[in-house]
Amino acid sequence: MLELITPTYNLHLEFLDLVAEYQQAGEFRMFDQNNLTLIQEDFSTYIQYLENNSQGINLKPGFVPATNFWLVMNSKIILGESQLRHWLVPTLEHRGGHIGYMIRPLQRSKGYGTTILAMTLEKAKNMGLSRVLLTCDQDNLASARIIQKNQGKLTSEGLWENSDKVISRYWIDL
């Protein structure tokens, strides 16, 4: 059984396994160093940080409230994580959008990306959003397919700041 839940201390060890899996795959960028330290040394504070972020408490300048979710199988295996940003600012309109998601490396290519996005879109609709923006690197074909399977329509492309890397922007009506 798959569920989309808010992060919980009860899955502390499972989340540490997820982080280790990203690190072993060389995907260190998934967690900034401050959060990585909290995850490893004070997980309850990390969970509180996520809750505060969802409520807009102590946000960094330029950040918006965002709610994190975990895609969990059988109430014990974390397959991936999504983040639903409550509204957009200019930087998110360029890159980032309303929703970001990731599936742990050993669980990819099993349809979980499509599922986590569909479930997060339902959360966005329940939050009162009528359409959402998602972005991905143009060469990230897997993410583009996931977005398109969830009715994403490519509306524009642009360059990363100080780079020749192209970002694709998709809108999804809810």
C-alpha atoms as a PDB file:
ATOM      1  CA  MET A   1       0.000   0.000   0.000  1.00  0.00           C
ATOM      2  CA  LEU A   2       1.344   3.418  -0.995  1.00  0.00           C
ATOM      3  CA  GLU A   3       0.683   6.538   1.073  1.00  0.00           C
ATOM      4  CA  LEU A   4       1.834  10.134   0.872  1.00  0.00           C
ATOM      5  CA  ILE A   5       2.522  11.223   4.448  1.00  0.00           C
ATOM      6  CA  THR A   6       4.075  14.171   6.204  1.00  0.00           C
ATOM      7  CA  PRO A   7       7.536  13.377   7.580  1.00  0.00           C
ATOM      8  CA  THR A   8       7.538  11.619  10.911  1.00  0.00           C
ATOM      9  CA  TYR A   9      10.151  10.765  13.518  1.00  0.00           C
ATOM     10  CA  ASN A  10       8.875   7.172  13.460  1.00  0.00           C
ATOM     11  CA  LEU A  11      10.702   6.605  10.150  1.00  0.00           C
ATOM     12  CA  HIS A  12      14.004   8.079  11.347  1.00  0.00           C
ATOM     13  CA  LEU A  13      16.187   5.045  10.557  1.00  0.00           C
ATOM     14  CA  GLU A  14      14.464   4.489   7.214  1.00  0.00           C
ATOM     15  CA  PHE A  15      15.115   8.130   6.258  1.00  0.00           C
ATOM     16  CA  LEU A  16      18.783   7.742   7.213  1.00  0.00           C
ATOM     17  CA  ASP A  17      18.922   4.748   4.851  1.00  0.00           C
ATOM     18  CA  LEU A  18      17.389   6.882   2.100  1.00  0.00           C
ATOM     19  CA  VAL A  19      19.995   9.622   2.637  1.00  0.00           C
ATOM     20  CA  ALA A  20      22.809   7.053   2.593  1.00  0.00           C
ATOM     21  CA  GLU A  21      21.444   5.641  -0.659  1.00  0.00           C
ATOM     22  CA  TYR A  22      21.565   9.091  -2.282  1.00  0.00           C
ATOM     23  CA  GLN A  23      25.111   9.589  -1.034  1.00  0.00           C
ATOM     24  CA  GLN A  24      26.217   6.186  -2.352  1.00  0.00           C
ATOM     25  CA  ALA A  25      24.738   7.120  -5.734  1.00  0.00           C
ATOM     26  CA  GLY A  26      26.772  10.350  -5.696  1.00  0.00           C
ATOM     27  CA  GLU A  27      23.662  12.502  -5.393  1.00  0.00           C
ATOM     28  CA  PHE A  28      24.856  14.735  -2.560  1.00  0.00           C
ATOM     29  CA  ARG A  29      22.965  17.800  -3.806  1.00  0.00           C
ATOM     30  CA  MET A  30      19.673  16.318  -2.606  1.00  0.00           C
ATOM     31  CA  PHE A  31      20.296  17.672   0.893  1.00  0.00           C
ATOM     32  CA  ASP A  32      22.117  20.853   1.851  1.00  0.00           C
ATOM     33  CA  GLN A  33      24.831  20.501   4.468  1.00  0.00           C
ATOM     34  CA  ASN A  34      22.810  22.135   7.262  1.00  0.00           C
ATOM     35  CA  ASN A  35      19.889  19.767   6.757  1.00  0.00           C
ATOM     36  CA  LEU A  36      22.226  16.793   6.411  1.00  0.00           C
ATOM     37  CA  THR A  37      23.747  17.600   9.794  1.00  0.00           C
ATOM     38  CA  LEU A  38      20.287  17.894  11.376  1.00  0.00           C
ATOM     39  CA  ILE A  39      19.143  14.636   9.767  1.00  0.00           C
ATOM     40  CA  GLN A  40      22.154  12.770  11.105  1.00  0.00           C
ATOM     41  CA  GLU A  41      22.514  14.409  14.517  1.00  0.00           C
ATOM     42  CA  ASP A  42      19.099  15.716  15.620  1.00  0.00           C
ATOM     43  CA  PHE A  43      16.312  14.188  13.566  1.00  0.00           C
ATOM     44  CA  SER A  44      13.512  15.528  15.762  1.00  0.00           C
ATOM     45  CA  THR A  45      14.782  19.067  15.090  1.00  0.00           C
ATOM     46  CA  TYR A  46      14.853  18.265  11.361  1.00  0.00           C
ATOM     47  CA  ILE A  47      11.198  17.162  11.515  1.00  0.00           C
ATOM     48  CA  GLN A  48      10.360  20.398  13.377  1.00  0.00           C
ATOM     49  CA  TYR A  49      12.260  22.391  10.718  1.00  0.00           C
ATOM     50  CA  LEU A  50      10.085  20.787   8.011  1.00  0.00           C
ATOM     51  CA  GLU A  51       6.920  21.561   9.991  1.00  0.00           C
ATOM     52  CA  ASN A  52       8.036  25.177  10.497  1.00  0.00           C
ATOM     53  CA  ASN A  53       8.826  25.442   6.786  1.00  0.00           C
ATOM     54  CA  SER A  54       5.303  24.268   5.980  1.00  0.00           C
ATOM     55  CA  GLN A  55       3.864  26.984   8.236  1.00  0.00           C
ATOM     56  CA  GLY A  56       6.199  29.708   6.938  1.00  0.00           C
ATOM     57  CA  ILE A  57       8.087  29.973  10.250  1.00  0.00           C
ATOM     58  CA  ASN A  58      11.747  31.116  10.156  1.00  0.00           C
ATOM     59  CA  LEU A  59      12.027  30.977   6.370  1.00  0.00           C
ATOM     60  CA  LYS A  60      15.277  32.016   4.726  1.00  0.00           C
ATOM     61  CA  PRO A  61      15.013  35.249   2.694  1.00  0.00           C
ATOM     62  CA  GLY A  62      13.436  34.597  -0.703  1.00  0.00           C
ATOM     63  CA  PHE A  63      11.925  31.262   0.357  1.00  0.00           C
ATOM     64  CA  VAL A  64       8.200  30.474   0.492  1.00  0.00           C
ATOM     65  CA  PRO A  65       6.299  28.066   2.743  1.00  0.00           C
ATOM     66  CA  ALA A  66       6.626  24.506   1.467  1.00  0.00           C
ATOM     67  CA  THR A  67       5.210  21.220   2.686  1.00  0.00           C
ATOM     68  CA  ASN A  68       7.269  18.045   2.416  1.00  0.00           C
ATOM     69  CA  PHE A  69       5.753  14.619   1.892  1.00  0.00           C
ATOM     70  CA  TRP A  70       7.165  11.106   1.892  1.00  0.00           C
ATOM     71  CA  LEU A  71       5.901   8.385  -0.422  1.00  0.00           C
ATOM     72  CA  VAL A  72       5.774   5.358   1.860  1.00  0.00           C
ATOM     73  CA  MET A  73       5.073   1.689   1.102  1.00  0.00           C
ATOM     74  CA  ASN A  74       3.443  -0.477   3.768  1.00  0.00           C
ATOM     75  CA  SER A  75       3.877   2.314   6.345  1.00  0.00           C
ATOM     76  CA  LYS A  76       7.602   1.584   6.661  1.00  0.00           C
ATOM     77  CA  ILE A  77       9.591   1.992   3.420  1.00  0.00           C
ATOM     78  CA  ILE A  78      10.238   5.539   2.156  1.00  0.00           C
ATOM     79  CA  LEU A  79      10.300   5.419  -1.643  1.00  0.00           C
ATOM     80  CA  GLY A  80      10.702   9.129  -2.252  1.00  0.00           C
ATOM     81  CA  GLU A  81      10.021  12.663  -1.162  1.00  0.00           C
ATOM     82  CA  SER A  82       8.126  15.606  -2.628  1.00  0.00           C
ATOM     83  CA  GLN A  83       7.928  19.256  -1.727  1.00  0.00           C
ATOM     84  CA  LEU A  84       4.907  21.430  -2.446  1.00  0.00           C
ATOM     85  CA  ARG A  85       5.699  25.135  -2.458  1.00  0.00           C
ATOM     86  CA  HIS A  86       2.613  27.119  -1.486  1.00  0.00           C
ATOM     87  CA  TRP A  87       3.160  29.923  -4.016  1.00  0.00           C
ATOM     88  CA  LEU A  88       5.744  31.152  -6.487  1.00  0.00           C
ATOM     89  CA  VAL A  89       8.302  33.940  -6.372  1.00  0.00           C
ATOM     90  CA  PRO A  90      10.301  35.005  -9.454  1.00  0.00           C
ATOM     91  CA  THR A  91      13.172  32.595  -8.773  1.00  0.00           C
ATOM     92  CA  LEU A  92      10.729  29.647  -8.526  1.00  0.00           C
ATOM     93  CA  GLU A  93       8.974  30.803 -11.706  1.00  0.00           C
ATOM     94  CA  HIS A  94      12.330  30.454 -13.464  1.00  0.00           C
ATOM     95  CA  ARG A  95      13.514  27.233 -11.819  1.00  0.00           C
ATOM     96  CA  GLY A  96      11.890  25.082  -9.158  1.00  0.00           C
ATOM     97  CA  GLY A  97       8.174  25.669  -9.613  1.00  0.00           C
ATOM     98  CA  HIS A  98       5.519  24.582  -7.130  1.00  0.00           C
ATOM     99  CA  ILE A  99       6.571  20.945  -6.824  1.00  0.00           C
ATOM    100  CA  GLY A 100       9.851  19.116  -6.564  1.00  0.00           C
ATOM    101  CA  TYR A 101      10.119  15.373  -6.133  1.00  0.00           C
ATOM    102  CA  MET A 102      12.733  12.656  -5.966  1.00  0.00           C
ATOM    103  CA  ILE A 103      12.681   8.896  -5.845  1.00  0.00           C
ATOM    104  CA  ARG A 104      15.485   7.041  -4.087  1.00  0.00           C
ATOM    105  CA  PRO A 105      17.956   5.541  -6.565  1.00  0.00           C
ATOM    106  CA  LEU A 106      17.149   1.858  -5.985  1.00  0.00           C
ATOM    107  CA  GLN A 107      13.391   2.475  -6.463  1.00  0.00           C
ATOM    108  CA  ARG A 108      13.535   4.323  -9.791  1.00  0.00           C
ATOM    109  CA  SER A 109      11.944   3.125 -13.044  1.00  0.00           C
ATOM    110  CA  LYS A 110       9.096   1.458 -11.141  1.00  0.00           C
ATOM    111  CA  GLY A 111       6.418   4.134 -11.651  1.00  0.00           C
ATOM    112  CA  TYR A 112       6.876   5.753  -8.243  1.00  0.00           C
ATOM    113  CA  GLY A 113       7.828   9.131  -9.744  1.00  0.00           C
ATOM    114  CA  THR A 114       4.517   9.302 -11.598  1.00  0.00           C
ATOM    115  CA  THR A 115       2.700   8.229  -8.434  1.00  0.00           C
ATOM    116  CA  ILE A 116       4.374  10.700  -6.072  1.00  0.00           C
ATOM    117  CA  LEU A 117       3.682  13.561  -8.456  1.00  0.00           C
ATOM    118  CA  ALA A 118       0.016  12.534  -8.892  1.00  0.00           C
ATOM    119  CA  MET A 119      -0.450  12.333  -5.118  1.00  0.00           C
ATOM    120  CA  THR A 120       1.313  15.675  -4.575  1.00  0.00           C
ATOM    121  CA  LEU A 121      -0.888  17.279  -7.243  1.00  0.00           C
ATOM    122  CA  GLU A 122      -3.908  16.134  -5.224  1.00  0.00           C
ATOM    123  CA  LYS A 123      -2.409  17.837  -2.137  1.00  0.00           C
ATOM    124  CA  ALA A 124      -1.911  21.018  -4.208  1.00  0.00           C
ATOM    125  CA  LYS A 125      -5.539  20.913  -5.333  1.00  0.00           C
ATOM    126  CA  ASN A 126      -6.691  20.403  -1.735  1.00  0.00           C
ATOM    127  CA  MET A 127      -4.562  23.415  -0.751  1.00  0.00           C
ATOM    128  CA  GLY A 128      -6.585  25.527  -3.188  1.00  0.00           C
ATOM    129  CA  LEU A 129      -4.168  25.765  -6.109  1.00  0.00           C
ATOM    130  CA  SER A 130      -5.802  25.603  -9.546  1.00  0.00           C
ATOM    131  CA  ARG A 131      -2.610  25.119 -11.553  1.00  0.00           C
ATOM    132  CA  VAL A 132       0.997  24.371 -10.728  1.00  0.00           C
ATOM    133  CA  LEU A 133       4.360  24.895 -12.360  1.00  0.00           C
ATOM    134  CA  LEU A 134       7.000  22.170 -12.526  1.00  0.00           C
ATOM    135  CA  THR A 135      10.466  22.527 -13.952  1.00  0.00           C
ATOM    136  CA  CYS A 136      13.182  20.082 -14.908  1.00  0.00           C
ATOM    137  CA  ASP A 137      16.425  20.129 -16.793  1.00  0.00           C
ATOM    138  CA  GLN A 138      15.745  19.677 -20.493  1.00  0.00           C
ATOM    139  CA  ASP A 139      17.987  16.608 -20.573  1.00  0.00           C
ATOM    140  CA  ASN A 140      16.166  14.955 -17.640  1.00  0.00           C
ATOM    141  CA  LEU A 141      13.941  12.832 -19.862  1.00  0.00           C
ATOM    142  CA  ALA A 142      12.662  10.665 -17.000  1.00  0.00           C
ATOM    143  CA  SER A 143      11.349  13.692 -15.100  1.00  0.00           C
ATOM    144  CA  ALA A 144       9.855  15.181 -18.273  1.00  0.00           C
ATOM    145  CA  ARG A 145       7.951  11.909 -18.893  1.00  0.00           C
ATOM    146  CA  ILE A 146       6.666  11.871 -15.296  1.00  0.00           C
ATOM    147  CA  ILE A 147       5.404  15.445 -15.640  1.00  0.00           C
ATOM    148  CA  GLN A 148       3.805  14.715 -19.027  1.00  0.00           C
ATOM    149  CA  LYS A 149       2.091  11.570 -17.662  1.00  0.00           C
ATOM    150  CA  ASN A 150       0.509  13.886 -15.073  1.00  0.00           C
ATOM    151  CA  GLN A 151      -0.880  16.201 -17.805  1.00  0.00           C
ATOM    152  CA  GLY A 152       2.032  18.642 -17.767  1.00  0.00           C
ATOM    153  CA  LYS A 153       2.149  20.958 -20.773  1.00  0.00           C
ATOM    154  CA  LEU A 154       5.521  22.351 -21.826  1.00  0.00           C
ATOM    155  CA  THR A 155       5.065  26.121 -21.933  1.00  0.00           C
ATOM    156  CA  SER A 156       8.593  27.559 -22.034  1.00  0.00           C
ATOM    157  CA  GLU A 157      12.291  26.902 -21.748  1.00  0.00           C
ATOM    158  CA  GLY A 158      15.118  29.032 -20.433  1.00  0.00           C
ATOM    159  CA  LEU A 159      18.728  28.892 -19.353  1.00  0.00           C
ATOM    160  CA  TRP A 160      20.072  28.304 -15.862  1.00  0.00           C
ATOM    161  CA  GLU A 161      21.730  31.385 -14.479  1.00  0.00           C
ATOM    162  CA  ASN A 162      25.370  31.627 -15.688  1.00  0.00           C
ATOM    163  CA  SER A 163      25.066  28.377 -17.649  1.00  0.00           C
ATOM    164  CA  ASP A 164      24.110  26.934 -21.005  1.00  0.00           C
ATOM    165  CA  LYS A 165      21.924  24.295 -19.305  1.00  0.00           C
ATOM    166  CA  VAL A 166      18.278  24.494 -20.445  1.00  0.00           C
ATOM    167  CA  ILE A 167      15.325  24.354 -18.030  1.00  0.00           C
ATOM    168  CA  SER A 168      11.936  23.136 -19.259  1.00  0.00           C
ATOM    169  CA  ARG A 169       8.801  24.593 -17.643  1.00  0.00           C
ATOM    170  CA  TYR A 170       5.501  22.730 -17.498  1.00  0.00           C
ATOM    171  CA  TRP A 171       2.111  23.846 -16.223  1.00  0.00           C
ATOM    172  CA  ILE A 172      -0.508  21.420 -14.932  1.00  0.00           C
ATOM    173  CA  ASP A 173      -4.146  22.447 -14.485  1.00  0.00           C
ATOM    174  CA  LEU A 174      -5.723  20.887 -11.405  1.00  0.00           C
END
